[in-house]
Amino acid sequence: MSPDTRIEHKRNSKAVFDRMIRLGFQKEFAMIVSNEMCTNYTSKRMCGYLDAAAPRSMEEVADEMLIILEERDRYKEKIENRHIIW
């Protein structure tokens, strides 16, 4: 991973972390979620969710995190399959 990518991942994670702290979630939980939501796609999706839904429970956030990660994995698989077909 390039230094620029590391910096971008840290910036993305911080955006998720900051929003979660503002919503009143514990630092430990916010750290776990923000570490998983570090790519542009995942962090934008999670930040959008946190801003729009203002979830109140850890379960709501965890469910959304799993949905976002599943979408990311399906997209990666789709791209990989395209390369195999072509």
N, C-alpha and C. Protein backbone atom coordinates (compact mmCIF):
# COMPACT_ATOMS: atom_id res chain seq x y z
N MET A 1 0.85 -1.17 0.00
CA MET A 1 0.00 0.00 0.00
C MET A 1 0.89 1.24 0.00
N SER A 2 0.57 2.17 -0.87
CA SER A 2 1.40 3.37 -1.00
C SER A 2 1.16 4.32 0.18
N PRO A 3 2.10 5.20 0.45
CA PRO A 3 1.92 6.18 1.53
C PRO A 3 0.68 7.05 1.31
N ASP A 4 0.41 7.41 0.06
CA ASP A 4 -0.78 8.22 -0.23
C ASP A 4 -2.06 7.47 0.11
N THR A 5 -2.07 6.18 -0.19
CA THR A 5 -3.24 5.36 0.12
C THR A 5 -3.43 5.25 1.62
N ARG A 6 -2.34 5.08 2.36
CA ARG A 6 -2.43 5.01 3.82
C ARG A 6 -3.00 6.31 4.39
N ILE A 7 -2.55 7.43 3.87
CA ILE A 7 -3.04 8.73 4.34
C ILE A 7 -4.53 8.86 4.05
N GLU A 8 -4.93 8.45 2.85
CA GLU A 8 -6.34 8.53 2.47
C GLU A 8 -7.19 7.63 3.36
N HIS A 9 -6.72 6.43 3.65
CA HIS A 9 -7.46 5.51 4.52
C HIS A 9 -7.60 6.09 5.93
N LYS A 10 -6.55 6.72 6.43
CA LYS A 10 -6.62 7.34 7.76
C LYS A 10 -7.64 8.49 7.76
N ARG A 11 -7.64 9.27 6.70
CA ARG A 11 -8.58 10.40 6.60
C ARG A 11 -10.02 9.87 6.54
N ASN A 12 -10.24 8.83 5.75
CA ASN A 12 -11.57 8.24 5.64
C ASN A 12 -12.03 7.67 6.98
N SER A 13 -11.15 6.95 7.67
CA SER A 13 -11.48 6.38 8.97
C SER A 13 -11.80 7.47 9.99
N LYS A 14 -11.03 8.54 9.94
CA LYS A 14 -11.26 9.64 10.89
C LYS A 14 -12.63 10.28 10.66
N ALA A 15 -13.05 10.41 9.42
CA ALA A 15 -14.36 10.99 9.14
C ALA A 15 -15.48 10.15 9.76
N VAL A 16 -15.37 8.83 9.63
CA VAL A 16 -16.36 7.94 10.23
C VAL A 16 -16.29 8.03 11.75
N PHE A 17 -15.09 7.96 12.29
CA PHE A 17 -14.89 8.02 13.74
C PHE A 17 -15.49 9.30 14.32
N ASP A 18 -15.18 10.44 13.72
CA ASP A 18 -15.67 11.73 14.23
C ASP A 18 -17.19 11.78 14.25
N ARG A 19 -17.83 11.29 13.19
CA ARG A 19 -19.29 11.30 13.15
C ARG A 19 -19.88 10.41 14.24
N MET A 20 -19.27 9.27 14.44
CA MET A 20 -19.78 8.36 15.46
C MET A 20 -19.64 8.94 16.86
N ILE A 21 -18.53 9.59 17.12
CA ILE A 21 -18.33 10.24 18.42
C ILE A 21 -19.37 11.35 18.61
N ARG A 22 -19.62 12.13 17.56
CA ARG A 22 -20.64 13.19 17.65
C ARG A 22 -22.02 12.62 17.95
N LEU A 23 -22.28 11.42 17.47
CA LEU A 23 -23.58 10.78 17.73
C LEU A 23 -23.64 10.12 19.10
N GLY A 24 -22.52 10.12 19.83
CA GLY A 24 -22.51 9.62 21.20
C GLY A 24 -22.07 8.18 21.38
N PHE A 25 -21.50 7.58 20.36
CA PHE A 25 -21.04 6.21 20.49
C PHE A 25 -19.71 6.17 21.24
N GLN A 26 -19.45 5.04 21.90
CA GLN A 26 -18.21 4.87 22.65
C GLN A 26 -17.01 4.85 21.70
N LYS A 27 -15.90 5.37 22.19
CA LYS A 27 -14.69 5.44 21.37
C LYS A 27 -14.27 4.07 20.84
N GLU A 28 -14.34 3.06 21.70
CA GLU A 28 -13.90 1.72 21.30
C GLU A 28 -14.72 1.21 20.12
N PHE A 29 -16.03 1.39 20.18
CA PHE A 29 -16.90 0.93 19.11
C PHE A 29 -16.66 1.76 17.84
N ALA A 30 -16.54 3.06 18.01
CA ALA A 30 -16.28 3.94 16.87
C ALA A 30 -14.96 3.57 16.19
N MET A 31 -13.98 3.17 16.97
CA MET A 31 -12.68 2.77 16.41
C MET A 31 -12.82 1.49 15.58
N ILE A 32 -13.56 0.53 16.08
CA ILE A 32 -13.76 -0.73 15.34
C ILE A 32 -14.44 -0.46 14.00
N VAL A 33 -15.51 0.30 14.03
CA VAL A 33 -16.25 0.59 12.80
C VAL A 33 -15.41 1.41 11.85
N SER A 34 -14.77 2.44 12.36
CA SER A 34 -13.99 3.32 11.47
C SER A 34 -12.81 2.59 10.83
N ASN A 35 -12.24 1.63 11.53
CA ASN A 35 -11.13 0.86 10.94
C ASN A 35 -11.61 -0.01 9.78
N GLU A 36 -12.84 -0.45 9.81
CA GLU A 36 -13.40 -1.25 8.71
C GLU A 36 -13.86 -0.38 7.54
N MET A 37 -14.23 0.85 7.83
CA MET A 37 -14.78 1.76 6.82
C MET A 37 -13.72 2.74 6.36
N CYS A 38 -12.63 2.24 5.77
CA CYS A 38 -11.50 3.12 5.47
C CYS A 38 -11.32 3.41 3.98
N THR A 39 -12.01 2.70 3.10
CA THR A 39 -11.87 3.02 1.67
C THR A 39 -12.81 4.17 1.32
N ASN A 40 -12.59 4.78 0.17
CA ASN A 40 -13.49 5.87 -0.24
C ASN A 40 -14.93 5.41 -0.27
N TYR A 41 -15.17 4.25 -0.87
CA TYR A 41 -16.54 3.75 -1.00
C TYR A 41 -17.17 3.50 0.37
N THR A 42 -16.48 2.72 1.21
CA THR A 42 -17.09 2.35 2.48
C THR A 42 -17.26 3.54 3.42
N SER A 43 -16.27 4.43 3.44
CA SER A 43 -16.38 5.57 4.35
C SER A 43 -17.48 6.54 3.90
N LYS A 44 -17.60 6.76 2.59
CA LYS A 44 -18.67 7.65 2.11
C LYS A 44 -20.03 7.06 2.41
N ARG A 45 -20.18 5.76 2.20
CA ARG A 45 -21.45 5.10 2.49
C ARG A 45 -21.80 5.20 3.97
N MET A 46 -20.81 4.92 4.84
CA MET A 46 -21.08 4.96 6.28
C MET A 46 -21.33 6.39 6.75
N CYS A 47 -20.56 7.35 6.27
CA CYS A 47 -20.80 8.75 6.66
C CYS A 47 -22.18 9.20 6.21
N GLY A 48 -22.57 8.83 5.00
CA GLY A 48 -23.91 9.17 4.52
C GLY A 48 -24.99 8.56 5.40
N TYR A 49 -24.79 7.31 5.78
CA TYR A 49 -25.75 6.64 6.66
C TYR A 49 -25.81 7.33 8.02
N LEU A 50 -24.66 7.60 8.61
CA LEU A 50 -24.63 8.23 9.93
C LEU A 50 -25.28 9.61 9.91
N ASP A 51 -25.04 10.36 8.85
CA ASP A 51 -25.63 11.70 8.73
C ASP A 51 -27.14 11.63 8.52
N ALA A 52 -27.59 10.72 7.67
CA ALA A 52 -29.01 10.66 7.32
C ALA A 52 -29.86 9.96 8.38
N ALA A 53 -29.36 8.86 8.90
CA ALA A 53 -30.17 8.04 9.81
C ALA A 53 -29.98 8.39 11.28
N ALA A 54 -28.85 8.98 11.62
CA ALA A 54 -28.52 9.27 13.01
C ALA A 54 -28.88 8.10 13.92
N PRO A 55 -28.27 6.94 13.68
CA PRO A 55 -28.62 5.74 14.45
C PRO A 55 -28.35 5.93 15.94
N ARG A 56 -29.15 5.25 16.75
CA ARG A 56 -29.03 5.38 18.20
C ARG A 56 -28.41 4.15 18.86
N SER A 57 -28.35 3.04 18.15
CA SER A 57 -27.82 1.83 18.78
C SER A 57 -26.62 1.30 18.01
N MET A 58 -25.78 0.57 18.74
CA MET A 58 -24.62 -0.05 18.12
C MET A 58 -25.07 -1.11 17.11
N GLU A 59 -26.18 -1.76 17.39
CA GLU A 59 -26.69 -2.79 16.48
C GLU A 59 -27.04 -2.21 15.12
N GLU A 60 -27.66 -1.04 15.11
CA GLU A 60 -28.00 -0.40 13.84
C GLU A 60 -26.74 -0.10 13.02
N VAL A 61 -25.73 0.42 13.68
CA VAL A 61 -24.49 0.76 13.00
C VAL A 61 -23.79 -0.51 12.51
N ALA A 62 -23.75 -1.53 13.37
CA ALA A 62 -23.09 -2.78 12.99
C ALA A 62 -23.81 -3.43 11.80
N ASP A 63 -25.14 -3.40 11.80
CA ASP A 63 -25.89 -3.96 10.67
C ASP A 63 -25.55 -3.23 9.38
N GLU A 64 -25.51 -1.91 9.44
CA GLU A 64 -25.19 -1.12 8.24
C GLU A 64 -23.75 -1.38 7.79
N MET A 65 -22.84 -1.51 8.74
CA MET A 65 -21.46 -1.79 8.39
C MET A 65 -21.36 -3.12 7.64
N LEU A 66 -22.07 -4.13 8.11
CA LEU A 66 -22.05 -5.44 7.44
C LEU A 66 -22.64 -5.36 6.04
N ILE A 67 -23.70 -4.59 5.89
CA ILE A 67 -24.31 -4.40 4.56
C ILE A 67 -23.32 -3.74 3.61
N ILE A 68 -22.66 -2.70 4.08
CA ILE A 68 -21.69 -1.98 3.25
C ILE A 68 -20.53 -2.91 2.86
N LEU A 69 -20.05 -3.69 3.80
CA LEU A 69 -18.94 -4.60 3.51
C LEU A 69 -19.37 -5.69 2.53
N GLU A 70 -20.60 -6.18 2.65
CA GLU A 70 -21.11 -7.17 1.70
C GLU A 70 -21.20 -6.57 0.30
N GLU A 71 -21.69 -5.33 0.20
CA GLU A 71 -21.77 -4.67 -1.11
C GLU A 71 -20.38 -4.51 -1.72
N ARG A 72 -19.44 -4.11 -0.90
CA ARG A 72 -18.07 -3.96 -1.38
C ARG A 72 -17.51 -5.28 -1.90
N ASP A 73 -17.75 -6.35 -1.14
CA ASP A 73 -17.26 -7.66 -1.54
C ASP A 73 -17.91 -8.15 -2.83
N ARG A 74 -19.22 -7.91 -2.98
CA ARG A 74 -19.92 -8.30 -4.21
C ARG A 74 -19.36 -7.53 -5.40
N TYR A 75 -19.10 -6.25 -5.20
CA TYR A 75 -18.54 -5.43 -6.28
C TYR A 75 -17.16 -5.95 -6.69
N LYS A 76 -16.32 -6.24 -5.71
CA LYS A 76 -14.98 -6.77 -6.00
C LYS A 76 -15.08 -8.08 -6.78
N GLU A 77 -15.99 -8.94 -6.36
CA GLU A 77 -16.18 -10.22 -7.03
C GLU A 77 -16.65 -10.02 -8.47
N LYS A 78 -17.56 -9.07 -8.65
CA LYS A 78 -18.06 -8.78 -9.99
C LYS A 78 -16.92 -8.33 -10.91
N ILE A 79 -16.07 -7.46 -10.41
CA ILE A 79 -14.92 -6.96 -11.18
C ILE A 79 -13.97 -8.10 -11.50
N GLU A 80 -13.68 -8.92 -10.51
CA GLU A 80 -12.78 -10.05 -10.73
C GLU A 80 -13.35 -11.01 -11.76
N ASN A 81 -14.64 -11.27 -11.70
CA ASN A 81 -15.28 -12.17 -12.67
C ASN A 81 -15.24 -11.60 -14.07
N ARG A 82 -15.37 -10.30 -14.18
CA ARG A 82 -15.28 -9.65 -15.49
C ARG A 82 -13.94 -9.91 -16.14
N HIS A 83 -12.90 -9.82 -15.32
CA HIS A 83 -11.54 -10.05 -15.84
C HIS A 83 -11.34 -11.49 -16.26
N ILE A 84 -11.99 -12.41 -15.59
CA ILE A 84 -11.88 -13.82 -15.94
C ILE A 84 -12.58 -14.08 -17.27
N ILE A 85 -13.76 -13.47 -17.43
CA ILE A 85 -14.56 -13.68 -18.64
C ILE A 85 -13.86 -13.07 -19.85
N TRP A 86 -13.32 -11.90 -19.71
CA TRP A 86 -12.70 -11.21 -20.85
C TRP A 86 -11.34 -11.80 -21.06
